[in-house]
Structure formats: structure tokens, C-alpha cells
């Protein structure tokens, strides 16, 4: 696994701290629908490494928030 098991919770927390709606973040990440982001945030969809990197960029946070320690040691 490339992202932390609780990455979806971290994503939601960071989005809410930035006072962004799911729609706003979904658009910044290039998603066609905010429902896709909602599914990830509520644990119904997986947060891929690619989407974790997109989220980090859109939220202006370090990607290390989402990436597991096992991956970091190789980067």
C-alpha cells in the first residue's frame, strides 16, 4: 500500500480546515464529479497514490501527509 490506511480521513480533515467544499477540491483535482471525492473521503473508494498527490497539490500541503512510511524510505 502506498498511502496511509487513514489517508481518507486526513484528506477530509485538511479539506475542511481549508474551508473548501468537496466540489471545489474535486475540481482542483480534475475529478468530473464531487461524488468521487465524497466516496474517497467516506472510505467507500480508495485513495490512490496519484490522487493523493493531486490532493496534496490542490490543498497546498506536503504529500507526506498521505504517503505511508514504507514508501517514503524509497523516495
PDB file of N, CA and C in Angstrom:
ATOM      1  N   UNK A   1       0.850  -1.187   0.000  1.00  0.00           N
ATOM      2  CA  UNK A   1       0.000   0.000   0.000  1.00  0.00           C
ATOM      3  C   UNK A   1       0.886   1.236   0.000  1.00  0.00           C
ATOM      4  N   UNK A   2       0.527   2.205  -0.815  1.00  0.00           N
ATOM      5  CA  UNK A   2       1.334   3.407  -0.958  1.00  0.00           C
ATOM      6  C   UNK A   2       0.867   4.558  -0.083  1.00  0.00           C
ATOM      7  N   UNK A   3      -0.411   4.575   0.208  1.00  0.00           N
ATOM      8  CA  UNK A   3      -0.930   5.657   1.058  1.00  0.00           C
ATOM      9  C   UNK A   3      -1.283   5.098   2.433  1.00  0.00           C
ATOM     10  N   UNK A   4      -1.308   5.975   3.384  1.00  0.00           N
ATOM     11  CA  UNK A   4      -1.636   5.565   4.750  1.00  0.00           C
ATOM     12  C   UNK A   4      -3.059   5.008   4.795  1.00  0.00           C
ATOM     13  N   UNK A   5      -3.297   4.048   5.681  1.00  0.00           N
ATOM     14  CA  UNK A   5      -4.645   3.483   5.785  1.00  0.00           C
ATOM     15  C   UNK A   5      -5.702   4.526   6.147  1.00  0.00           C
ATOM     16  N   UNK A   6      -5.314   5.569   6.873  1.00  0.00           N
ATOM     17  CA  UNK A   6      -6.268   6.607   7.267  1.00  0.00           C
ATOM     18  C   UNK A   6      -6.162   7.857   6.393  1.00  0.00           C
ATOM     19  N   UNK A   7      -5.567   7.730   5.221  1.00  0.00           N
ATOM     20  CA  UNK A   7      -5.368   8.882   4.339  1.00  0.00           C
ATOM     21  C   UNK A   7      -6.684   9.564   3.979  1.00  0.00           C
ATOM     22  N   UNK A   8      -7.749   8.791   3.851  1.00  0.00           N
ATOM     23  CA  UNK A   8      -9.044   9.382   3.501  1.00  0.00           C
ATOM     24  C   UNK A   8      -9.538  10.315   4.605  1.00  0.00           C
ATOM     25  N   UNK A   9      -9.242   9.977   5.857  1.00  0.00           N
ATOM     26  CA  UNK A   9      -9.630  10.837   6.981  1.00  0.00           C
ATOM     27  C   UNK A   9      -8.783  12.103   7.001  1.00  0.00           C
ATOM     28  N   UNK A  10      -7.519  11.945   6.698  1.00  0.00           N
ATOM     29  CA  UNK A  10      -6.616  13.101   6.648  1.00  0.00           C
ATOM     30  C   UNK A  10      -7.051  14.036   5.531  1.00  0.00           C
ATOM     31  N   UNK A  11      -7.420  13.479   4.403  1.00  0.00           N
ATOM     32  CA  UNK A  11      -7.890  14.272   3.267  1.00  0.00           C
ATOM     33  C   UNK A  11      -9.095  15.109   3.663  1.00  0.00           C
ATOM     34  N   UNK A  12     -10.069  14.493   4.282  1.00  0.00           N
ATOM     35  CA  UNK A  12     -11.279  15.220   4.700  1.00  0.00           C
ATOM     36  C   UNK A  12     -10.937  16.308   5.705  1.00  0.00           C
ATOM     37  N   UNK A  13     -10.093  16.000   6.685  1.00  0.00           N
ATOM     38  CA  UNK A  13      -9.697  16.966   7.705  1.00  0.00           C
ATOM     39  C   UNK A  13      -9.004  18.169   7.075  1.00  0.00           C
ATOM     40  N   UNK A  14      -8.067  17.919   6.177  1.00  0.00           N
ATOM     41  CA  UNK A  14      -7.340  19.010   5.530  1.00  0.00           C
ATOM     42  C   UNK A  14      -8.270  19.867   4.674  1.00  0.00           C
ATOM     43  N   UNK A  15      -9.179  19.218   3.952  1.00  0.00           N
ATOM     44  CA  UNK A  15     -10.130  19.970   3.119  1.00  0.00           C
ATOM     45  C   UNK A  15     -10.994  20.877   3.977  1.00  0.00           C
ATOM     46  N   UNK A  16     -11.472  20.350   5.080  1.00  0.00           N
ATOM     47  CA  UNK A  16     -12.350  21.129   5.944  1.00  0.00           C
ATOM     48  C   UNK A  16     -11.584  22.272   6.629  1.00  0.00           C
ATOM     49  N   UNK A  17     -10.334  22.027   6.991  1.00  0.00           N
ATOM     50  CA  UNK A  17      -9.520  23.085   7.588  1.00  0.00           C
ATOM     51  C   UNK A  17      -9.274  24.225   6.604  1.00  0.00           C
ATOM     52  N   UNK A  18      -9.208  23.893   5.322  1.00  0.00           N
ATOM     53  CA  UNK A  18      -9.022  24.907   4.279  1.00  0.00           C
ATOM     54  C   UNK A  18     -10.352  25.550   3.878  1.00  0.00           C
ATOM     55  N   UNK A  19     -11.432  25.082   4.512  1.00  0.00           N
ATOM     56  CA  UNK A  19     -12.779  25.593   4.235  1.00  0.00           C
ATOM     57  C   UNK A  19     -13.154  25.470   2.750  1.00  0.00           C
ATOM     58  N   UNK A  20     -12.822  24.310   2.212  1.00  0.00           N
ATOM     59  CA  UNK A  20     -13.150  24.015   0.823  1.00  0.00           C
ATOM     60  C   UNK A  20     -14.315  23.037   0.790  1.00  0.00           C
ATOM     61  N   UNK A  21     -15.145  23.186  -0.207  1.00  0.00           N
ATOM     62  CA  UNK A  21     -16.212  22.212  -0.409  1.00  0.00           C
ATOM     63  C   UNK A  21     -15.650  21.018  -1.167  1.00  0.00           C
ATOM     64  N   UNK A  22     -16.383  19.921  -1.135  1.00  0.00           N
ATOM     65  CA  UNK A  22     -15.967  18.762  -1.913  1.00  0.00           C
ATOM     66  C   UNK A  22     -15.936  19.104  -3.389  1.00  0.00           C
ATOM     67  N   UNK A  23     -16.876  19.892  -3.820  1.00  0.00           N
ATOM     68  CA  UNK A  23     -16.932  20.291  -5.232  1.00  0.00           C
ATOM     69  C   UNK A  23     -15.674  21.070  -5.617  1.00  0.00           C
ATOM     70  N   UNK A  24     -15.264  22.022  -4.773  1.00  0.00           N
ATOM     71  CA  UNK A  24     -14.074  22.819  -5.070  1.00  0.00           C
ATOM     72  C   UNK A  24     -12.822  21.951  -5.173  1.00  0.00           C
ATOM     73  N   UNK A  25     -12.640  21.078  -4.196  1.00  0.00           N
ATOM     74  CA  UNK A  25     -11.458  20.228  -4.207  1.00  0.00           C
ATOM     75  C   UNK A  25     -11.510  19.242  -5.369  1.00  0.00           C
ATOM     76  N   UNK A  26     -12.671  18.688  -5.612  1.00  0.00           N
ATOM     77  CA  UNK A  26     -12.809  17.740  -6.721  1.00  0.00           C
ATOM     78  C   UNK A  26     -12.427  18.406  -8.047  1.00  0.00           C
ATOM     79  N   UNK A  27     -12.843  19.642  -8.244  1.00  0.00           N
ATOM     80  CA  UNK A  27     -12.495  20.360  -9.471  1.00  0.00           C
ATOM     81  C   UNK A  27     -10.991  20.596  -9.560  1.00  0.00           C
ATOM     82  N   UNK A  28     -10.374  20.985  -8.459  1.00  0.00           N
ATOM     83  CA  UNK A  28      -8.925  21.209  -8.449  1.00  0.00           C
ATOM     84  C   UNK A  28      -8.147  19.922  -8.716  1.00  0.00           C
ATOM     85  N   UNK A  29      -8.717  18.813  -8.307  1.00  0.00           N
ATOM     86  CA  UNK A  29      -8.064  17.518  -8.531  1.00  0.00           C
ATOM     87  C   UNK A  29      -8.359  16.952  -9.919  1.00  0.00           C
ATOM     88  N   UNK A  30      -9.264  17.595 -10.663  1.00  0.00           N
ATOM     89  CA  UNK A  30      -9.595  17.148 -12.007  1.00  0.00           C
ATOM     90  C   UNK A  30     -10.662  16.072 -12.068  1.00  0.00           C
ATOM     91  N   UNK A  31     -11.405  15.891 -10.985  1.00  0.00           N
ATOM     92  CA  UNK A  31     -12.490  14.918 -10.961  1.00  0.00           C
ATOM     93  C   UNK A  31     -13.694  15.483 -11.708  1.00  0.00           C
ATOM     94  N   UNK A  32     -14.435  14.614 -12.353  1.00  0.00           N
ATOM     95  CA  UNK A  32     -15.644  15.033 -13.061  1.00  0.00           C
ATOM     96  C   UNK A  32     -16.802  15.302 -12.125  1.00  0.00           C
ATOM     97  N   UNK A  33     -16.736  14.707 -10.942  1.00  0.00           N
ATOM     98  CA  UNK A  33     -17.855  14.806 -10.011  1.00  0.00           C
ATOM     99  C   UNK A  33     -17.347  14.884  -8.575  1.00  0.00           C
ATOM    100  N   UNK A  34     -17.998  15.697  -7.743  1.00  0.00           N
ATOM    101  CA  UNK A  34     -17.621  15.724  -6.333  1.00  0.00           C
ATOM    102  C   UNK A  34     -17.968  14.412  -5.627  1.00  0.00           C
ATOM    103  N   UNK A  35     -18.842  13.619  -6.213  1.00  0.00           N
ATOM    104  CA  UNK A  35     -19.212  12.335  -5.612  1.00  0.00           C
ATOM    105  C   UNK A  35     -18.008  11.405  -5.525  1.00  0.00           C
ATOM    106  N   UNK A  36     -17.136  11.499  -6.493  1.00  0.00           N
ATOM    107  CA  UNK A  36     -15.917  10.670  -6.472  1.00  0.00           C
ATOM    108  C   UNK A  36     -15.068  11.006  -5.246  1.00  0.00           C
ATOM    109  N   UNK A  37     -14.925  12.285  -4.957  1.00  0.00           N
ATOM    110  CA  UNK A  37     -14.183  12.710  -3.772  1.00  0.00           C
ATOM    111  C   UNK A  37     -14.921  12.284  -2.506  1.00  0.00           C
ATOM    112  N   UNK A  38     -16.226  12.450  -2.493  1.00  0.00           N
ATOM    113  CA  UNK A  38     -17.028  12.053  -1.330  1.00  0.00           C
ATOM    114  C   UNK A  38     -16.841  10.565  -1.036  1.00  0.00           C
ATOM    115  N   UNK A  39     -16.837   9.750  -2.075  1.00  0.00           N
ATOM    116  CA  UNK A  39     -16.632   8.307  -1.885  1.00  0.00           C
ATOM    117  C   UNK A  39     -15.282   8.023  -1.241  1.00  0.00           C
ATOM    118  N   UNK A  40     -14.261   8.741  -1.652  1.00  0.00           N
ATOM    119  CA  UNK A  40     -12.932   8.561  -1.068  1.00  0.00           C
ATOM    120  C   UNK A  40     -12.933   9.017   0.387  1.00  0.00           C
ATOM    121  N   UNK A  41     -13.477  10.195   0.643  1.00  0.00           N
ATOM    122  CA  UNK A  41     -13.471  10.754   1.999  1.00  0.00           C
ATOM    123  C   UNK A  41     -14.220   9.889   3.003  1.00  0.00           C
ATOM    124  N   UNK A  42     -15.240   9.210   2.560  1.00  0.00           N
ATOM    125  CA  UNK A  42     -16.032   8.378   3.475  1.00  0.00           C
ATOM    126  C   UNK A  42     -15.601   6.914   3.464  1.00  0.00           C
ATOM    127  N   UNK A  43     -14.472   6.630   2.795  1.00  0.00           N
ATOM    128  CA  UNK A  43     -13.922   5.286   2.813  1.00  0.00           C
ATOM    129  C   UNK A  43     -14.596   4.303   1.886  1.00  0.00           C
ATOM    130  N   UNK A  44     -15.424   4.789   0.952  1.00  0.00           N
ATOM    131  CA  UNK A  44     -16.112   3.902   0.013  1.00  0.00           C
ATOM    132  C   UNK A  44     -15.308   3.703  -1.272  1.00  0.00           C
ATOM    133  N   UNK A  45     -14.292   4.529  -1.448  1.00  0.00           N
ATOM    134  CA  UNK A  45     -13.394   4.411  -2.591  1.00  0.00           C
ATOM    135  C   UNK A  45     -11.971   4.535  -2.080  1.00  0.00           C
ATOM    136  N   UNK A  46     -11.032   4.011  -2.824  1.00  0.00           N
ATOM    137  CA  UNK A  46      -9.641   4.045  -2.381  1.00  0.00           C
ATOM    138  C   UNK A  46      -8.962   5.333  -2.851  1.00  0.00           C
ATOM    139  N   UNK A  47      -8.098   5.846  -2.000  1.00  0.00           N
ATOM    140  CA  UNK A  47      -7.275   6.995  -2.362  1.00  0.00           C
ATOM    141  C   UNK A  47      -5.985   6.442  -2.956  1.00  0.00           C
ATOM    142  N   UNK A  48      -5.858   6.552  -4.263  1.00  0.00           N
ATOM    143  CA  UNK A  48      -4.658   6.052  -4.937  1.00  0.00           C
ATOM    144  C   UNK A  48      -3.502   7.010  -4.681  1.00  0.00           C
ATOM    145  N   UNK A  49      -2.307   6.552  -4.957  1.00  0.00           N
ATOM    146  CA  UNK A  49      -1.136   7.407  -4.795  1.00  0.00           C
ATOM    147  C   UNK A  49      -1.245   8.617  -5.705  1.00  0.00           C
ATOM    148  N   UNK A  50      -1.679   8.409  -6.931  1.00  0.00           N
ATOM    149  CA  UNK A  50      -1.836   9.514  -7.884  1.00  0.00           C
ATOM    150  C   UNK A  50      -2.819  10.558  -7.348  1.00  0.00           C
ATOM    151  N   UNK A  51      -3.955  10.108  -6.829  1.00  0.00           N
ATOM    152  CA  UNK A  51      -4.949  11.044  -6.302  1.00  0.00           C
ATOM    153  C   UNK A  51      -4.480  11.699  -5.013  1.00  0.00           C
ATOM    154  N   UNK A  52      -3.690  10.990  -4.225  1.00  0.00           N
ATOM    155  CA  UNK A  52      -3.129  11.579  -3.014  1.00  0.00           C
ATOM    156  C   UNK A  52      -2.197  12.735  -3.374  1.00  0.00           C
ATOM    157  N   UNK A  53      -1.415  12.544  -4.436  1.00  0.00           N
ATOM    158  CA  UNK A  53      -0.518  13.611  -4.881  1.00  0.00           C
ATOM    159  C   UNK A  53      -1.300  14.798  -5.436  1.00  0.00           C
ATOM    160  N   UNK A  54      -2.369  14.518  -6.164  1.00  0.00           N
ATOM    161  CA  UNK A  54      -3.235  15.591  -6.672  1.00  0.00           C
ATOM    162  C   UNK A  54      -3.875  16.365  -5.522  1.00  0.00           C
ATOM    163  N   UNK A  55      -4.331  15.634  -4.509  1.00  0.00           N
ATOM    164  CA  UNK A  55      -4.964  16.270  -3.351  1.00  0.00           C
ATOM    165  C   UNK A  55      -3.964  17.142  -2.607  1.00  0.00           C
ATOM    166  N   UNK A  56      -2.759  16.644  -2.422  1.00  0.00           N
ATOM    167  CA  UNK A  56      -1.732  17.409  -1.719  1.00  0.00           C
ATOM    168  C   UNK A  56      -1.450  18.718  -2.451  1.00  0.00           C
ATOM    169  N   UNK A  57      -1.349  18.639  -3.755  1.00  0.00           N
ATOM    170  CA  UNK A  57      -1.096  19.852  -4.555  1.00  0.00           C
ATOM    171  C   UNK A  57      -2.271  20.819  -4.457  1.00  0.00           C
ATOM    172  N   UNK A  58      -3.482  20.301  -4.593  1.00  0.00           N
ATOM    173  CA  UNK A  58      -4.681  21.137  -4.551  1.00  0.00           C
ATOM    174  C   UNK A  58      -4.877  21.788  -3.184  1.00  0.00           C
ATOM    175  N   UNK A  59      -4.495  21.078  -2.127  1.00  0.00           N
ATOM    176  CA  UNK A  59      -4.652  21.593  -0.766  1.00  0.00           C
ATOM    177  C   UNK A  59      -3.434  22.391  -0.297  1.00  0.00           C
ATOM    178  N   UNK A  60      -2.387  22.376  -1.124  1.00  0.00           N
ATOM    179  CA  UNK A  60      -1.145  23.069  -0.800  1.00  0.00           C
ATOM    180  C   UNK A  60      -0.538  22.546   0.506  1.00  0.00           C
ATOM    181  N   UNK A  61      -0.468  21.216   0.605  1.00  0.00           N
ATOM    182  CA  UNK A  61       0.141  20.552   1.758  1.00  0.00           C
ATOM    183  C   UNK A  61       1.181  19.559   1.245  1.00  0.00           C
ATOM    184  N   UNK A  62       2.004  19.086   2.142  1.00  0.00           N
ATOM    185  CA  UNK A  62       3.014  18.102   1.780  1.00  0.00           C
ATOM    186  C   UNK A  62       2.356  16.760   1.460  1.00  0.00           C
ATOM    187  N   UNK A  63       2.840  16.133   0.418  1.00  0.00           N
ATOM    188  CA  UNK A  63       2.302  14.817   0.056  1.00  0.00           C
ATOM    189  C   UNK A  63       2.615  13.777   1.126  1.00  0.00           C
ATOM    190  N   UNK A  64       3.579  14.061   1.985  1.00  0.00           N
ATOM    191  CA  UNK A  64       3.936  13.110   3.038  1.00  0.00           C
ATOM    192  C   UNK A  64       2.793  12.895   4.032  1.00  0.00           C
ATOM    193  N   UNK A  65       1.825  13.793   4.044  1.00  0.00           N
ATOM    194  CA  UNK A  65       0.646  13.594   4.894  1.00  0.00           C
ATOM    195  C   UNK A  65      -0.102  12.323   4.525  1.00  0.00           C
ATOM    196  N   UNK A  66      -0.065  11.970   3.264  1.00  0.00           N
ATOM    197  CA  UNK A  66      -0.850  10.854   2.759  1.00  0.00           C
ATOM    198  C   UNK A  66      -0.030   9.590   2.495  1.00  0.00           C
ATOM    199  N   UNK A  67       1.265   9.733   2.308  1.00  0.00           N
ATOM    200  CA  UNK A  67       2.102   8.608   1.880  1.00  0.00           C
ATOM    201  C   UNK A  67       2.596   7.805   3.074  1.00  0.00           C
ATOM    202  N   UNK A  68       2.542   6.486   2.933  1.00  0.00           N
ATOM    203  CA  UNK A  68       2.962   5.607   4.024  1.00  0.00           C
ATOM    204  C   UNK A  68       4.469   5.665   4.222  1.00  0.00           C
ATOM    205  N   UNK A  69       4.892   5.350   5.414  1.00  0.00           N
ATOM    206  CA  UNK A  69       6.311   5.376   5.757  1.00  0.00           C
ATOM    207  C   UNK A  69       7.107   4.392   4.906  1.00  0.00           C
ATOM    208  N   UNK A  70       6.521   3.285   4.532  1.00  0.00           N
ATOM    209  CA  UNK A  70       7.215   2.288   3.709  1.00  0.00           C
ATOM    210  C   UNK A  70       7.609   2.861   2.350  1.00  0.00           C
ATOM    211  N   UNK A  71       6.785   3.719   1.802  1.00  0.00           N
ATOM    212  CA  UNK A  71       7.081   4.336   0.519  1.00  0.00           C
ATOM    213  C   UNK A  71       8.122   5.438   0.690  1.00  0.00           C
ATOM    214  N   UNK A  72       7.992   6.229   1.750  1.00  0.00           N
ATOM    215  CA  UNK A  72       8.900   7.359   1.973  1.00  0.00           C
ATOM    216  C   UNK A  72      10.354   6.922   2.021  1.00  0.00           C
ATOM    217  N   UNK A  73      10.636   5.754   2.534  1.00  0.00           N
ATOM    218  CA  UNK A  73      12.021   5.321   2.654  1.00  0.00           C
ATOM    219  C   UNK A  73      12.682   5.081   1.306  1.00  0.00           C
ATOM    220  N   UNK A  74      11.892   4.922   0.245  1.00  0.00           N
ATOM    221  CA  UNK A  74      12.438   4.705  -1.084  1.00  0.00           C
ATOM    222  C   UNK A  74      12.463   5.962  -1.952  1.00  0.00           C
ATOM    223  N   UNK A  75      11.915   7.040  -1.427  1.00  0.00           N
ATOM    224  CA  UNK A  75      11.832   8.284  -2.207  1.00  0.00           C
ATOM    225  C   UNK A  75      12.992   9.187  -1.870  1.00  0.00           C
TER     226      UNK A  75
END
